[in-house]
N, C-alpha and C. Protein backbone atom coordinates (compact mmCIF):
# COMPACT_ATOMS: atom_id res chain seq x y z
N MET A 1 -135.96 263.35 14.53
CA MET A 1 -136.32 262.69 13.29
C MET A 1 -137.81 262.35 13.33
N ASP A 2 -138.48 262.59 12.23
CA ASP A 2 -139.90 262.28 12.13
C ASP A 2 -140.08 261.11 11.15
N TYR A 3 -140.76 260.08 11.60
CA TYR A 3 -141.03 258.92 10.77
C TYR A 3 -142.52 258.87 10.44
N ILE A 4 -142.81 258.57 9.18
CA ILE A 4 -144.21 258.47 8.75
C ILE A 4 -144.60 257.00 8.69
N ILE A 5 -145.68 256.68 9.39
CA ILE A 5 -146.22 255.32 9.44
C ILE A 5 -147.57 255.35 8.75
N THR A 6 -147.83 254.37 7.89
CA THR A 6 -149.11 254.30 7.20
C THR A 6 -149.89 253.10 7.71
N PHE A 7 -151.10 253.36 8.16
CA PHE A 7 -152.04 252.30 8.55
C PHE A 7 -153.04 252.14 7.43
N THR A 8 -153.17 250.94 6.93
CA THR A 8 -154.11 250.66 5.85
C THR A 8 -155.05 249.55 6.30
N TRP A 9 -156.33 249.73 6.04
CA TRP A 9 -157.33 248.72 6.40
C TRP A 9 -157.40 247.66 5.31
N ASP A 10 -157.26 246.38 5.70
CA ASP A 10 -157.43 245.25 4.77
C ASP A 10 -158.81 244.67 5.04
N ASP A 11 -159.74 244.95 4.14
CA ASP A 11 -161.13 244.55 4.33
C ASP A 11 -161.30 243.03 4.34
N GLU A 12 -160.55 242.33 3.49
CA GLU A 12 -160.68 240.87 3.42
C GLU A 12 -160.22 240.21 4.72
N ALA A 13 -159.11 240.67 5.27
CA ALA A 13 -158.57 240.08 6.50
C ALA A 13 -159.15 240.74 7.74
N ALA A 14 -159.82 241.87 7.58
CA ALA A 14 -160.40 242.64 8.69
C ALA A 14 -159.35 243.05 9.72
N VAL A 15 -158.23 243.59 9.20
CA VAL A 15 -157.15 244.06 10.06
C VAL A 15 -156.58 245.37 9.53
N TRP A 16 -156.00 246.14 10.44
CA TRP A 16 -155.20 247.30 10.09
C TRP A 16 -153.76 246.81 9.90
N ILE A 17 -153.06 247.34 8.90
CA ILE A 17 -151.67 246.97 8.64
C ILE A 17 -150.81 248.23 8.72
N ALA A 18 -149.73 248.15 9.49
CA ALA A 18 -148.80 249.28 9.63
C ALA A 18 -147.55 249.01 8.81
N THR A 19 -147.18 249.98 7.96
CA THR A 19 -145.95 249.90 7.19
C THR A 19 -145.30 251.29 7.17
N SER A 20 -144.04 251.32 6.76
CA SER A 20 -143.35 252.60 6.65
C SER A 20 -142.21 252.49 5.66
N ASN A 21 -142.10 253.48 4.78
CA ASN A 21 -140.95 253.56 3.88
C ASN A 21 -139.72 254.04 4.63
N ASP A 22 -139.92 254.63 5.80
CA ASP A 22 -138.82 255.20 6.58
C ASP A 22 -138.16 254.19 7.51
N ILE A 23 -138.87 253.11 7.85
CA ILE A 23 -138.36 252.16 8.83
C ILE A 23 -138.34 250.76 8.23
N PRO A 24 -137.18 250.30 7.78
CA PRO A 24 -137.10 248.97 7.18
C PRO A 24 -137.57 247.88 8.15
N GLY A 25 -138.38 246.96 7.64
CA GLY A 25 -138.83 245.83 8.45
C GLY A 25 -140.12 246.06 9.20
N LEU A 26 -140.67 247.25 9.14
CA LEU A 26 -141.92 247.51 9.87
C LEU A 26 -143.11 246.99 9.08
N VAL A 27 -143.70 245.91 9.55
CA VAL A 27 -144.95 245.37 9.03
C VAL A 27 -145.66 244.73 10.21
N LEU A 28 -146.73 245.38 10.67
CA LEU A 28 -147.50 244.88 11.80
C LEU A 28 -148.97 244.89 11.41
N GLU A 29 -149.76 244.06 12.08
CA GLU A 29 -151.20 244.08 11.83
C GLU A 29 -151.96 243.84 13.12
N SER A 30 -153.20 244.35 13.13
CA SER A 30 -154.07 244.17 14.28
C SER A 30 -155.51 244.46 13.85
N GLY A 31 -156.45 243.81 14.48
CA GLY A 31 -157.86 244.06 14.22
C GLY A 31 -158.34 245.36 14.83
N SER A 32 -157.56 245.92 15.75
CA SER A 32 -157.92 247.15 16.44
C SER A 32 -156.92 248.26 16.09
N TYR A 33 -157.45 249.41 15.70
CA TYR A 33 -156.60 250.56 15.37
C TYR A 33 -155.75 250.96 16.59
N ASP A 34 -156.41 251.09 17.75
CA ASP A 34 -155.69 251.52 18.96
C ASP A 34 -154.62 250.51 19.37
N ALA A 35 -154.92 249.23 19.24
CA ALA A 35 -153.93 248.20 19.57
C ALA A 35 -152.74 248.28 18.62
N LEU A 36 -153.00 248.60 17.36
CA LEU A 36 -151.90 248.72 16.40
C LEU A 36 -151.03 249.94 16.71
N VAL A 37 -151.63 251.01 17.16
CA VAL A 37 -150.84 252.18 17.57
C VAL A 37 -149.88 251.77 18.69
N GLU A 38 -150.37 251.06 19.68
CA GLU A 38 -149.52 250.63 20.80
C GLU A 38 -148.42 249.68 20.33
N ARG A 39 -148.77 248.71 19.51
CA ARG A 39 -147.77 247.75 18.99
C ARG A 39 -146.69 248.48 18.21
N THR A 40 -147.11 249.47 17.42
CA THR A 40 -146.17 250.24 16.61
C THR A 40 -145.23 251.04 17.50
N ARG A 41 -145.78 251.66 18.53
CA ARG A 41 -144.96 252.46 19.45
C ARG A 41 -143.88 251.63 20.13
N PHE A 42 -144.16 250.36 20.39
CA PHE A 42 -143.17 249.49 21.04
C PHE A 42 -142.20 248.86 20.05
N ALA A 43 -142.65 248.59 18.83
CA ALA A 43 -141.80 247.92 17.84
C ALA A 43 -140.78 248.86 17.20
N ILE A 44 -141.15 250.11 17.00
CA ILE A 44 -140.28 251.03 16.26
C ILE A 44 -138.94 251.27 16.95
N PRO A 45 -138.87 251.53 18.24
CA PRO A 45 -137.54 251.71 18.85
C PRO A 45 -136.64 250.49 18.66
N GLU A 46 -137.21 249.31 18.73
CA GLU A 46 -136.41 248.09 18.54
C GLU A 46 -135.91 248.00 17.10
N LEU A 47 -136.77 248.26 16.13
CA LEU A 47 -136.35 248.22 14.73
C LEU A 47 -135.29 249.29 14.44
N LEU A 48 -135.48 250.48 14.99
CA LEU A 48 -134.49 251.54 14.77
C LEU A 48 -133.14 251.19 15.37
N SER A 49 -133.13 250.57 16.53
CA SER A 49 -131.86 250.20 17.15
C SER A 49 -131.17 249.08 16.36
N LEU A 50 -131.95 248.20 15.72
CA LEU A 50 -131.36 247.16 14.88
C LEU A 50 -130.78 247.73 13.58
N ASN A 51 -131.35 248.82 13.10
CA ASN A 51 -130.93 249.40 11.82
C ASN A 51 -129.89 250.50 11.97
N SER A 52 -129.63 250.97 13.20
CA SER A 52 -128.69 252.06 13.39
C SER A 52 -128.03 251.94 14.76
N SER A 53 -126.77 252.31 14.81
CA SER A 53 -126.06 252.26 16.10
C SER A 53 -126.30 253.51 16.94
N GLU A 54 -126.75 254.58 16.30
CA GLU A 54 -126.97 255.84 17.00
C GLU A 54 -128.45 256.00 17.36
N GLN A 55 -128.74 256.22 18.63
CA GLN A 55 -130.11 256.41 19.07
C GLN A 55 -130.39 257.90 19.23
N GLN A 56 -131.50 258.33 18.63
CA GLN A 56 -131.89 259.73 18.69
C GLN A 56 -133.36 259.82 19.04
N PRO A 57 -133.78 260.95 19.60
CA PRO A 57 -135.22 261.15 19.81
C PRO A 57 -135.93 261.15 18.45
N PHE A 58 -137.17 260.69 18.44
CA PHE A 58 -137.91 260.67 17.19
C PHE A 58 -139.39 260.93 17.46
N SER A 59 -140.10 261.28 16.40
CA SER A 59 -141.55 261.43 16.49
C SER A 59 -142.18 260.60 15.38
N LEU A 60 -143.44 260.24 15.61
CA LEU A 60 -144.17 259.42 14.65
C LEU A 60 -145.36 260.20 14.11
N THR A 61 -145.56 260.10 12.82
CA THR A 61 -146.76 260.61 12.18
C THR A 61 -147.48 259.41 11.61
N ILE A 62 -148.70 259.17 12.09
CA ILE A 62 -149.47 258.02 11.62
C ILE A 62 -150.56 258.51 10.68
N LYS A 63 -150.53 258.00 9.47
CA LYS A 63 -151.55 258.31 8.48
C LYS A 63 -152.36 257.04 8.26
N SER A 64 -153.68 257.18 8.20
CA SER A 64 -154.51 255.99 8.01
C SER A 64 -155.40 256.13 6.79
N GLU A 65 -155.66 254.98 6.17
CA GLU A 65 -156.54 254.91 5.02
C GLU A 65 -157.49 253.75 5.21
N ARG A 66 -158.74 254.01 4.92
CA ARG A 66 -159.74 252.94 4.94
C ARG A 66 -160.73 253.22 3.83
N HIS A 67 -160.84 252.29 2.92
CA HIS A 67 -161.76 252.41 1.79
C HIS A 67 -162.78 251.29 1.91
N GLU A 68 -164.02 251.63 1.70
CA GLU A 68 -165.09 250.63 1.76
C GLU A 68 -165.92 250.70 0.50
N ARG A 69 -166.33 249.55 0.04
CA ARG A 69 -167.22 249.46 -1.12
C ARG A 69 -168.61 249.19 -0.61
N ILE A 70 -169.55 250.01 -1.06
CA ILE A 70 -170.94 249.89 -0.60
C ILE A 70 -171.82 249.60 -1.82
N LEU A 71 -172.56 248.55 -1.72
CA LEU A 71 -173.50 248.19 -2.78
C LEU A 71 -174.88 248.71 -2.46
N LEU A 72 -175.55 249.25 -3.45
CA LEU A 72 -176.90 249.76 -3.25
C LEU A 72 -177.92 248.72 -3.66
């Protein structure tokens, strides 16, 4: 099973936020992209086991978005 995780940059809070339409309950944040990848890798198996009795191998696809406004 392949799960899609979206990382979005929140400029006001200065954090990356991880969410997924595929994994109910997944909402994590971190100021570091790499730290959020690690937190996500550890949280997802726990969330999947809480949402399903059957454990299967899975893969993650992480998509990231960061938009910045620049004033001239």
